[in-house]
Protein backbone atom coordinates (compact mmCIF):
# COMPACT_ATOMS: atom_id res chain seq x y z
CA MET A 1 -61.32 -2.80 3.04
CA GLY A 2 -58.68 -0.08 2.85
CA LEU A 3 -58.93 3.40 4.29
CA PRO A 4 -62.17 5.30 3.59
CA LEU A 5 -61.90 7.47 0.50
CA SER A 6 -62.94 10.54 2.51
CA GLN A 7 -60.10 9.92 4.98
CA VAL A 8 -57.54 9.37 2.22
CA ALA A 9 -58.71 12.54 0.42
CA ARG A 10 -58.66 14.78 3.51
CA ILE A 11 -55.30 13.60 4.79
CA GLY A 12 -53.84 13.56 1.27
CA ALA A 13 -54.96 17.13 0.62
CA TYR A 14 -53.55 18.26 3.96
CA THR A 15 -50.22 16.52 3.37
CA LEU A 16 -49.87 17.90 -0.15
CA SER A 17 -50.70 21.46 0.89
CA GLN A 18 -48.24 21.32 3.79
CA HIS A 19 -45.56 19.86 1.56
CA ILE A 20 -46.02 22.68 -0.93
CA LYS A 21 -45.72 25.25 1.87
CA GLY A 22 -42.48 23.64 3.04
CA GLY A 23 -41.25 23.30 6.58
CA ARG A 24 -42.12 20.76 9.27
CA TYR A 25 -45.69 19.66 9.93
CA PRO A 26 -47.47 16.90 11.89
CA LEU A 27 -49.53 14.13 10.34
CA VAL A 28 -50.96 12.56 13.49
CA LEU A 29 -51.19 13.86 17.03
CA MET A 30 -50.09 11.11 19.42
CA LEU A 31 -51.99 11.67 22.64
CA GLU A 32 -51.32 9.93 25.95
CA PRO A 33 -53.86 11.42 28.34
CA LEU A 34 -52.78 9.04 31.12
CA PHE A 35 -50.12 6.41 31.83
CA ARG A 36 -52.24 4.17 34.08
CA CYS A 37 -52.96 0.75 32.56
CA ASN A 38 -54.70 -2.49 33.51
CA LEU A 39 -51.90 -4.58 31.98
CA ALA A 40 -48.16 -4.74 32.66
CA CYS A 41 -46.66 -5.63 29.27
CA LYS A 42 -42.98 -6.51 29.45
CA GLY A 43 -42.09 -4.34 26.45
CA CYS A 44 -43.86 -1.22 27.74
CA GLY A 45 -42.01 1.76 29.14
CA LYS A 46 -45.09 3.68 30.28
CA ILE A 47 -46.48 2.02 33.38
CA ASP A 48 -43.75 1.94 36.03
CA TYR A 49 -44.11 5.56 37.12
CA PRO A 50 -44.87 6.32 40.78
CA ASP A 51 -48.57 6.48 41.68
CA PRO A 52 -48.77 10.30 41.86
CA ILE A 53 -47.84 10.38 38.16
CA LEU A 54 -50.01 7.38 37.21
CA ASN A 55 -52.94 9.20 38.84
CA GLN A 56 -52.53 12.24 36.58
CA ARG A 57 -54.87 12.83 33.62
CA LEU A 58 -55.04 15.31 30.78
CA SER A 59 -58.34 17.17 30.95
CA TYR A 60 -60.84 17.38 28.11
CA GLU A 61 -59.77 21.00 27.58
CA GLN A 62 -56.08 20.07 27.38
CA CYS A 63 -56.83 17.37 24.82
CA MET A 64 -58.74 19.81 22.63
CA GLU A 65 -56.00 22.42 22.97
CA ALA A 66 -53.41 19.87 21.81
CA ILE A 67 -55.13 19.23 18.47
CA ASP A 68 -55.81 22.94 17.96
CA GLU A 69 -52.14 23.74 18.63
CA CYS A 70 -50.63 21.27 16.19
CA GLY A 71 -53.38 21.20 13.56
CA ALA A 72 -52.89 17.54 12.61
CA PRO A 73 -55.78 15.94 10.68
CA ALA A 74 -55.77 12.82 12.89
CA VAL A 75 -55.19 11.84 16.50
CA SER A 76 -54.10 8.50 17.92
CA ILE A 77 -55.10 8.16 21.58
CA ALA A 78 -53.04 5.72 23.57
CA GLY A 79 -51.57 5.52 27.07
CA GLY A 80 -51.66 3.61 29.39
CA GLU A 81 -55.16 2.39 28.75
CA PRO A 82 -57.33 5.27 27.49
CA LEU A 83 -60.61 3.56 28.42
CA LEU A 84 -59.65 4.13 32.07
CA HIS A 85 -60.06 7.88 31.46
CA ARG A 86 -63.58 8.81 32.57
CA ASP A 87 -63.81 11.65 30.02
CA MET A 88 -62.68 9.57 27.05
CA PRO A 89 -66.13 9.43 25.34
CA LYS A 90 -66.34 13.24 25.61
CA ILE A 91 -62.78 13.61 24.28
CA VAL A 92 -63.57 11.39 21.27
CA ARG A 93 -66.77 13.31 20.54
CA GLY A 94 -64.85 16.59 20.80
CA TYR A 95 -62.31 15.50 18.20
CA ILE A 96 -64.98 14.17 15.86
CA ALA A 97 -66.82 17.50 16.14
CA LYS A 98 -63.60 19.11 14.88
CA LYS A 99 -63.60 16.67 11.92
CA LYS A 100 -60.44 14.97 13.14
CA PHE A 101 -59.88 11.26 12.49
CA VAL A 102 -59.71 9.50 15.85
CA ILE A 103 -57.86 6.23 16.43
CA LEU A 104 -58.60 4.98 19.94
CA CYS A 105 -55.96 2.45 20.97
CA THR A 106 -56.99 -0.09 23.59
CA ASN A 107 -56.05 -3.49 24.95
CA ALA A 108 -59.82 -4.16 24.79
CA LEU A 109 -60.16 -5.50 28.33
CA LEU A 110 -62.78 -2.83 29.03
CA LEU A 111 -64.21 -2.44 25.54
CA LYS A 112 -67.24 -4.71 26.02
CA LYS A 113 -68.19 -2.75 29.13
CA LYS A 114 -67.55 0.70 27.60
CA ILE A 115 -68.68 0.27 24.00
CA ASP A 116 -72.12 1.82 24.57
CA ASP A 117 -70.36 5.12 25.35
CA TYR A 118 -69.26 5.39 21.70
CA GLU A 119 -70.98 5.59 18.33
CA PRO A 120 -69.78 4.45 14.89
CA SER A 121 -68.50 7.32 12.76
CA PRO A 122 -66.45 7.69 9.56
CA PHE A 123 -64.05 9.66 11.78
CA PHE A 124 -63.64 6.98 14.45
CA THR A 125 -61.62 3.74 14.58
CA TRP A 126 -61.00 1.23 17.36
CA SER A 127 -57.36 0.14 17.32
CA ILE A 128 -57.07 -3.05 19.35
CA HIS A 129 -53.71 -4.21 20.60
CA LEU A 130 -53.03 -7.74 19.34
CA ASP A 131 -49.45 -8.94 18.92
CA GLY A 132 -50.28 -12.15 17.08
CA ASP A 133 -52.21 -15.32 17.90
CA ARG A 134 -53.30 -16.39 21.38
CA GLN A 135 -49.92 -17.63 22.56
CA MET A 136 -47.92 -14.81 20.96
CA HIS A 137 -50.18 -12.07 22.31
CA ASP A 138 -50.71 -13.37 25.83
CA GLU A 139 -46.97 -13.83 26.20
CA ALA A 140 -46.29 -10.31 24.92
CA VAL A 141 -48.72 -8.70 27.39
CA SER A 142 -47.76 -11.04 30.25
CA GLN A 143 -51.32 -12.11 31.02
CA ASP A 144 -53.22 -15.18 29.90
CA GLY A 145 -56.70 -14.74 28.46
CA THR A 146 -56.21 -11.29 26.97
CA TYR A 147 -56.26 -12.56 23.39
CA ASP A 148 -59.70 -14.14 23.80
CA ILE A 149 -61.09 -10.97 25.37
CA ALA A 150 -59.67 -8.82 22.57
CA TYR A 151 -60.94 -11.17 19.88
CA GLU A 152 -64.46 -11.09 21.33
CA ALA A 153 -64.24 -7.29 21.49
CA ILE A 154 -63.36 -7.16 17.80
CA GLU A 155 -66.41 -9.25 16.93
CA ILE A 156 -68.67 -7.06 19.08
CA ALA A 157 -67.32 -3.82 17.63
CA LYS A 158 -67.64 -5.09 14.05
CA ALA A 159 -71.21 -6.23 14.72
CA ARG A 160 -72.03 -2.73 16.04
CA GLY A 161 -70.78 -1.16 12.81
CA PHE A 162 -67.50 0.26 14.10
CA ARG A 163 -64.38 0.51 12.04
CA VAL A 164 -61.76 -1.78 13.62
CA GLN A 165 -58.04 -2.28 13.14
CA ILE A 166 -55.44 -4.13 15.15
CA ASN A 167 -52.15 -2.69 16.32
CA CYS A 168 -49.50 -5.41 16.07
CA THR A 169 -46.01 -4.88 17.50
CA ILE A 170 -43.26 -7.28 16.52
CA PHE A 171 -40.57 -8.42 18.95
CA ASP A 172 -37.51 -10.60 18.53
CA GLY A 173 -38.46 -14.28 18.42
CA ALA A 174 -41.76 -13.75 16.59
CA ASP A 175 -42.69 -16.56 14.19
CA SER A 176 -43.45 -15.31 10.66
CA ASP A 177 -45.52 -18.40 9.75
CA ARG A 178 -47.76 -18.05 12.79
CA LEU A 179 -48.08 -14.31 12.33
CA ALA A 180 -49.05 -14.79 8.67
CA ALA A 181 -51.76 -17.27 9.71
CA PHE A 182 -52.99 -14.77 12.31
CA PHE A 183 -53.14 -12.04 9.67
CA ASP A 184 -55.17 -14.37 7.43
CA ARG A 185 -57.67 -14.66 10.25
CA MET A 186 -57.85 -10.89 10.71
CA GLU A 187 -58.34 -10.42 6.97
CA ALA A 188 -61.25 -12.86 7.05
CA LEU A 189 -62.82 -10.75 9.82
CA GLY A 190 -62.45 -7.59 7.74
CA VAL A 191 -59.97 -6.09 10.19
CA GLU A 192 -57.10 -3.88 9.06
CA ILE A 193 -53.58 -4.16 10.44
CA THR A 194 -51.16 -1.55 11.73
CA ILE A 195 -47.78 -3.21 12.09
CA SER A 196 -44.47 -2.02 13.45
CA PRO A 197 -41.36 -3.40 15.13
CA GLY A 198 -41.10 -2.63 18.83
CA TYR A 199 -38.90 0.10 20.24
CA ALA A 200 -36.56 -0.50 23.19
CA TYR A 201 -38.07 1.96 25.68
CA GLU A 202 -35.53 2.68 28.40
CA ARG A 203 -38.10 2.00 31.08
CA ALA A 204 -39.29 -1.31 29.58
CA PRO A 205 -38.75 -4.27 31.96
CA ASP A 206 -37.63 -6.57 29.14
CA GLN A 207 -34.73 -5.18 27.12
CA GLN A 208 -33.73 -8.48 25.51
CA HIS A 209 -36.46 -8.97 22.91
CA PHE A 210 -36.31 -5.91 20.68
CA LEU A 211 -35.31 -6.38 17.05
CA ASN A 212 -32.20 -4.75 15.63
CA ARG A 213 -32.28 -3.37 12.08
CA GLU A 214 -31.01 -6.46 10.27
CA ARG A 215 -33.38 -8.83 12.06
CA THR A 216 -36.25 -6.43 11.44
CA LYS A 217 -35.64 -6.40 7.68
CA GLN A 218 -35.28 -10.18 7.44
CA PHE A 219 -38.36 -10.84 9.55
CA PHE A 220 -40.56 -8.60 7.44
CA ARG A 221 -39.25 -10.12 4.21
CA ASP A 222 -40.11 -13.56 5.58
CA LEU A 223 -43.55 -12.35 6.66
CA PHE A 224 -44.45 -10.53 3.45
CA ARG A 225 -43.24 -13.48 1.37
CA ARG A 226 -45.99 -15.53 3.04
CA GLY A 227 -48.58 -12.93 2.10
CA LYS A 228 -47.96 -12.16 -1.58
CA GLY A 229 -45.59 -9.30 -0.81
CA GLY A 230 -48.00 -8.15 1.89
CA LYS A 231 -50.88 -7.81 -0.59
CA ALA A 232 -52.81 -10.66 1.06
CA TRP A 233 -53.60 -8.41 4.00
CA THR A 234 -55.07 -4.92 4.44
CA PHE A 235 -52.60 -2.66 6.18
CA THR A 236 -53.18 0.86 7.42
CA ASN A 237 -49.46 1.41 6.90
CA SER A 238 -48.36 3.00 3.64
CA PRO A 239 -46.81 0.77 0.95
CA LEU A 240 -43.48 2.56 1.11
CA PHE A 241 -43.24 2.17 4.89
CA LEU A 242 -43.81 -1.58 4.49
CA ASP A 243 -41.15 -1.58 1.78
CA PHE A 244 -38.83 0.19 4.21
CA LEU A 245 -39.42 -2.49 6.87
CA ALA A 246 -38.33 -5.11 4.35
CA GLY A 247 -35.05 -3.31 3.70
CA ASN A 248 -35.93 -1.93 0.27
CA GLN A 249 -35.85 1.75 1.23
CA SER A 250 -33.30 3.66 3.30
CA TYR A 251 -35.09 6.39 5.25
CA GLU A 252 -34.20 8.92 7.88
CA CYS A 253 -36.99 9.44 10.39
CA THR A 254 -39.35 12.40 10.51
CA PRO A 255 -39.78 12.71 14.28
CA TRP A 256 -42.11 15.72 14.21
CA SER A 257 -44.64 13.98 11.96
CA MET A 258 -46.31 12.28 14.96
CA PRO A 259 -45.70 14.55 17.97
CA LEU A 260 -46.63 13.35 21.44
CA ARG A 261 -48.60 15.25 24.09
CA THR A 262 -48.61 13.68 27.57
CA ILE A 263 -49.28 14.77 31.14
CA PHE A 264 -45.68 16.07 31.16
CA GLY A 265 -46.27 18.32 28.12
CA TRP A 266 -45.03 18.00 24.52
CA GLN A 267 -42.32 15.32 24.47
CA LYS A 268 -38.93 16.08 22.91
CA PRO A 269 -37.88 14.91 20.41
CA CYS A 270 -40.52 12.33 19.44
CA TYR A 271 -43.14 9.80 20.52
CA LEU A 272 -40.51 7.23 21.47
CA LEU A 273 -37.78 9.32 23.10
CA GLY A 274 -38.54 11.39 26.17
CA GLU A 275 -35.58 13.73 26.58
CA GLY A 276 -37.38 16.81 27.74
CA TYR A 277 -40.82 18.40 27.66
CA VAL A 278 -42.16 21.81 26.68
CA ALA A 279 -45.45 23.55 27.32
CA THR A 280 -46.46 24.30 23.73
CA PHE A 281 -46.32 22.70 20.30
CA LYS A 282 -44.59 25.82 18.98
CA GLU A 283 -41.79 25.33 21.52
CA LEU A 284 -41.46 21.71 20.46
CA MET A 285 -41.13 22.55 16.79
CA GLU A 286 -38.92 25.62 17.15
CA GLY A 287 -36.91 24.69 20.23
CA THR A 288 -35.87 21.12 19.44
CA ASP A 289 -32.45 20.56 17.89
CA TRP A 290 -33.73 18.01 15.38
CA ASP A 291 -30.28 17.45 13.91
CA GLN A 292 -29.20 15.79 17.15
CA TYR A 293 -31.63 12.89 16.72
CA GLY A 294 -32.30 10.10 14.27
CA VAL A 295 -30.69 6.99 12.85
CA GLY A 296 -26.96 7.52 12.48
CA LYS A 297 -27.07 10.59 14.72
CA TYR A 298 -27.99 9.23 18.16
CA GLU A 299 -27.40 5.78 19.64
CA LYS A 300 -30.92 5.50 21.05
CA CYS A 301 -32.26 5.80 17.50
CA SER A 302 -29.98 3.19 15.94
CA ASP A 303 -32.41 0.25 15.82
CA CYS A 304 -35.61 2.25 15.44
CA MET A 305 -37.80 1.46 12.43
CA VAL A 306 -41.12 2.33 14.08
CA HIS A 307 -44.05 3.71 12.09
CA CYS A 308 -44.38 6.89 14.17
CA GLY A 309 -40.94 7.97 13.00
CA PHE A 310 -40.86 6.70 9.44
CA GLU A 311 -44.44 6.89 8.11
CA GLY A 312 -43.95 10.63 7.72
CA THR A 313 -40.84 10.02 5.65
CA ALA A 314 -42.67 7.47 3.53
CA ALA A 315 -45.51 9.96 2.97
CA THR A 316 -43.07 12.61 1.76
CA ASP A 317 -41.37 10.07 -0.50
CA ALA A 318 -44.77 9.14 -1.97
CA ILE A 319 -45.46 12.79 -2.82
CA ARG A 320 -42.08 13.16 -4.46
CA HIS A 321 -42.13 9.78 -6.23
CA PRO A 322 -45.78 8.77 -6.72
CA LEU A 323 -44.94 6.19 -9.38
CA LYS A 324 -42.64 4.36 -6.96
CA MET A 325 -45.39 4.26 -4.35
CA LEU A 326 -47.95 3.01 -6.89
CA SER A 327 -45.56 0.33 -8.08
CA VAL A 328 -45.08 -1.06 -4.56
CA ALA A 329 -48.83 -0.86 -3.90
CA ARG A 330 -49.55 -2.80 -7.12
CA LYS A 331 -46.75 -5.37 -7.04
CA GLY A 332 -46.30 -5.77 -3.31
CA VAL A 333 -43.14 -5.56 -1.23
CA ARG A 334 -39.97 -7.08 -2.71
CA THR A 335 -38.92 -10.06 -0.58
CA ASP A 336 -35.67 -11.16 -2.23
CA GLY A 337 -32.42 -9.68 -3.47
CA PRO A 338 -30.01 -7.47 -1.51
CA PHE A 339 -31.08 -4.93 1.05
CA VAL A 340 -30.50 -1.31 0.12
CA GLN A 341 -27.49 0.29 1.77
CA ASP A 342 -28.52 1.51 5.21
CA ILE A 343 -27.46 4.60 7.13
CA ASP A 344 -24.03 4.44 8.75
CA LEU A 345 -24.43 4.06 12.53
CA SER A 346 -20.76 4.35 13.46
CA LYS A 347 -20.75 8.10 14.08
CA ALA A 348 -23.90 8.32 16.20
CA ARG A 349 -23.39 10.31 19.40
CA PRO A 350 -23.55 8.29 22.62
CA ALA A 351 -26.86 7.84 24.40
CA GLU A 352 -27.53 10.11 27.37
CA ASP A 353 -29.11 8.82 30.58
CA VAL A 354 -31.74 11.54 31.01
CA TYR A 355 -35.05 9.73 31.00
CA SER A 356 -35.72 9.98 34.75
CA SER A 357 -35.12 13.72 35.16
CA HIS A 358 -38.58 14.73 33.94
CA VAL A 359 -40.13 12.20 36.33
CA GLU A 360 -38.37 13.79 39.28
CA GLN A 361 -39.42 17.25 38.09
CA GLU A 362 -43.06 16.18 37.77
CA LEU A 363 -43.03 14.60 41.24
CA ALA A 364 -41.64 17.83 42.67
CA ARG A 365 -44.40 19.80 40.94
CA ILE A 366 -47.10 17.44 42.25
CA LYS A 367 -45.70 17.62 45.76
CA ALA A 368 -45.60 21.41 45.69
CA ALA A 369 -49.18 21.59 44.41
CA ASN A 370 -50.58 18.91 46.72
CA PRO A 371 -48.26 17.56 49.43
CA ALA A 372 -50.81 14.98 50.57
CA ALA A 373 -50.95 13.37 47.12
CA ALA A 374 -47.21 12.81 47.09
CA LYS A 375 -46.52 11.75 50.67
CA HIS A 376 -46.03 8.11 49.68
CA VAL A 377 -43.83 8.85 46.65
CA VAL A 378 -40.89 6.55 46.03
CA LYS A 379 -37.96 8.29 44.39
CA ALA A 380 -37.96 7.68 40.61
CA ALA A 381 -35.41 5.17 39.39
C-alpha cells in the first residue's frame, strides 16, 4: 500500500524546506495527553504513576497549542491509552482541520466501542499495538485475549475504510520466524507495519528483556532475510532506518525530530528520556544541552535504536544521499556481511538517577492546587 502520495509530498516538502533553512526542526509531534491505560504491559514505563498523575489530562486547547508551537506536519497520539480521553475525537478533528497527519495509537481494546466517533480521512491513521502473533503479543502486554480483540478491531477499521497500521515493538527473545509469518498475515490484510526495538524505560517493571545493540542488529538481519530484505512487507519506516536496524548504517540520534508533550510539559531531551520538563517548545529547543545526550554520550542512550530517535537521522541522510536511499528501497536491506563500525560507547557519561524528581514536583503542584485530590498520594518511587 505504501504511504499516500499526498502525505509523502507534504512531509517531503516540509523536510526539504527545513533542511535548506538549517537548524533543528521536528518531524512528528509525539503527544501523550494522559498516562492512564487499561493494560499493564511489562515493558511500559508510563503507567505506574500515582493516581493524581494518572488522573491528569491535556485539554483540547493544550493539544492544539502543542502542534502550533512546534509546527510539525504530523502528530502521533499515544499514552497511556488515548481512547480513554473523552475529548479524543475532538482533538483528532482539530488536528485534521489544521491539515496535520494524525496517527492515533491504541491497544484497540476500546476501538470497537469508540470507532463511530471517528471518520476515515487521508489525514488519519489508526496505529494498533501488536507485538507479533497471539502468543507473542499477549505475553508482551501481560493479558490473554488482547491479540484477538486487536485483530478484530483491524478488520472492523479496514471494513469502515480507515487507514490502519500496526505498531510492533521487538523485545529480547522474539522469534524471527514467527514474526515473519505474522507480518505475512498483516500484509495479506493490507496493513502497514511500524517496527522498532523496545527501549528500557527506567520505570518499566521488566528490565530483563530489552535488546542491546548487537542483538538488535542480528535479529533484524534474521527477520529481513525471511522477507526479501524487508521488501515482502509494507513498512511505514524509512528504508534507511530499516537498514540502520540491520547494522548497515551507523547513525547518531536526532532527539528533537520527534519531541514529546505530556501532562508534565515538553520532555527533555526526547520521547524516551524524561530528565526534565519545560513549559514551551522554544525552551525545549533552545534550553536543552543536546550534546549531553545520544549514543556514545550518555549511558541511558547506549542501547537505543528506536525509530523516534533515528528516523529523523535517516530522513536527513536520505536528503543528503538520495541515491543510497533509493538503492536500499529497491534492493532491500542487506542481511549478510559485516556490520558497519558502530559508535564507541566507552566514553559515555554515567547515567543519572533523576527520573522521579519531576513526579514529585507534579504531585506537589497537584496538592497545592487541589489538596483533596492528592490526599491519598503515595510518595513516588
